Amino acid sequence: MDIIRIIIAILLPPLGVFLQVGLGGHFWLNILLTLLGYIPGIVHAVWIIAKK
């Protein structure tokens, strides 16, 4: 299941984080990072998914 989340996180980083943690602080941080730059959003999303 984590492989699917990582693939989703690469395509849509906030969706990958949402599937992992829900509407928490990490989700909103990931939206901000994705808006500032796509790559930081991907890195954060993969880190959140791999951490759990």
C-alpha atoms as a PDB file:
ATOM      1  CA  MET A   1       0.000   0.000   0.000  1.00  0.00           C
ATOM      2  CA  ASP A   2       2.902   2.381   0.669  1.00  0.00           C
ATOM      3  CA  ILE A   3       4.104   1.974  -2.924  1.00  0.00           C
ATOM      4  CA  ILE A   4       0.744   3.231  -4.197  1.00  0.00           C
ATOM      5  CA  ARG A   5       0.883   6.191  -1.784  1.00  0.00           C
ATOM      6  CA  ILE A   6       4.394   7.071  -2.930  1.00  0.00           C
ATOM      7  CA  ILE A   7       3.310   6.998  -6.580  1.00  0.00           C
ATOM      8  CA  ILE A   8       0.354   9.241  -5.716  1.00  0.00           C
ATOM      9  CA  ALA A   9       2.705  11.513  -3.750  1.00  0.00           C
ATOM     10  CA  ILE A  10       4.923  11.935  -6.800  1.00  0.00           C
ATOM     11  CA  LEU A  11       1.952  12.840  -8.996  1.00  0.00           C
ATOM     12  CA  LEU A  12      -0.046  14.882  -6.439  1.00  0.00           C
ATOM     13  CA  PRO A  13       1.952  15.459  -3.236  1.00  0.00           C
ATOM     14  CA  PRO A  14      -0.892  16.857  -1.079  1.00  0.00           C
ATOM     15  CA  LEU A  15      -3.114  13.885  -1.925  1.00  0.00           C
ATOM     16  CA  GLY A  16      -0.407  11.449  -0.840  1.00  0.00           C
ATOM     17  CA  VAL A  17      -0.016  13.246   2.484  1.00  0.00           C
ATOM     18  CA  PHE A  18      -3.794  13.436   2.938  1.00  0.00           C
ATOM     19  CA  LEU A  19      -4.109   9.679   2.458  1.00  0.00           C
ATOM     20  CA  GLN A  20      -1.414   9.126   5.091  1.00  0.00           C
ATOM     21  CA  VAL A  21      -2.259  11.664   7.826  1.00  0.00           C
ATOM     22  CA  GLY A  22      -5.577  13.328   6.957  1.00  0.00           C
ATOM     23  CA  LEU A  23      -6.296  17.038   7.331  1.00  0.00           C
ATOM     24  CA  GLY A  24      -3.547  17.804   9.821  1.00  0.00           C
ATOM     25  CA  GLY A  25      -0.660  20.197   9.942  1.00  0.00           C
ATOM     26  CA  HIS A  26       1.459  18.072   7.612  1.00  0.00           C
ATOM     27  CA  PHE A  27      -1.227  18.296   4.930  1.00  0.00           C
ATOM     28  CA  TRP A  28      -1.343  22.098   5.016  1.00  0.00           C
ATOM     29  CA  LEU A  29       2.452  22.324   5.138  1.00  0.00           C
ATOM     30  CA  ASN A  30       2.623  20.109   2.072  1.00  0.00           C
ATOM     31  CA  ILE A  31       0.166  22.318   0.188  1.00  0.00           C
ATOM     32  CA  LEU A  32       2.339  25.332   1.011  1.00  0.00           C
ATOM     33  CA  LEU A  33       5.508  23.534  -0.069  1.00  0.00           C
ATOM     34  CA  THR A  34       3.864  22.356  -3.296  1.00  0.00           C
ATOM     35  CA  LEU A  35       2.754  25.902  -4.098  1.00  0.00           C
ATOM     36  CA  LEU A  36       6.264  27.224  -3.458  1.00  0.00           C
ATOM     37  CA  GLY A  37       7.830  24.510  -5.580  1.00  0.00           C
ATOM     38  CA  TYR A  38       6.732  21.127  -6.816  1.00  0.00           C
ATOM     39  CA  ILE A  39       9.932  19.303  -5.772  1.00  0.00           C
ATOM     40  CA  PRO A  40       9.799  20.346  -2.076  1.00  0.00           C
ATOM     41  CA  GLY A  41       6.204  19.109  -1.958  1.00  0.00           C
ATOM     42  CA  ILE A  42       7.239  15.741  -3.370  1.00  0.00           C
ATOM     43  CA  VAL A  43      10.160  15.398  -0.946  1.00  0.00           C
ATOM     44  CA  HIS A  44       7.961  16.239   2.030  1.00  0.00           C
ATOM     45  CA  ALA A  45       5.209  13.858   0.913  1.00  0.00           C
ATOM     46  CA  VAL A  46       7.570  10.927   0.372  1.00  0.00           C
ATOM     47  CA  TRP A  47       9.234  11.650   3.719  1.00  0.00           C
ATOM     48  CA  ILE A  48       5.870  11.620   5.536  1.00  0.00           C
ATOM     49  CA  ILE A  49       4.847   8.354   3.872  1.00  0.00           C
ATOM     50  CA  ALA A  50       8.206   6.641   4.458  1.00  0.00           C
ATOM     51  CA  LYS A  51       8.342   7.779   8.081  1.00  0.00           C
ATOM     52  CA  LYS A  52       5.268   5.777   9.110  1.00  0.00           C
END
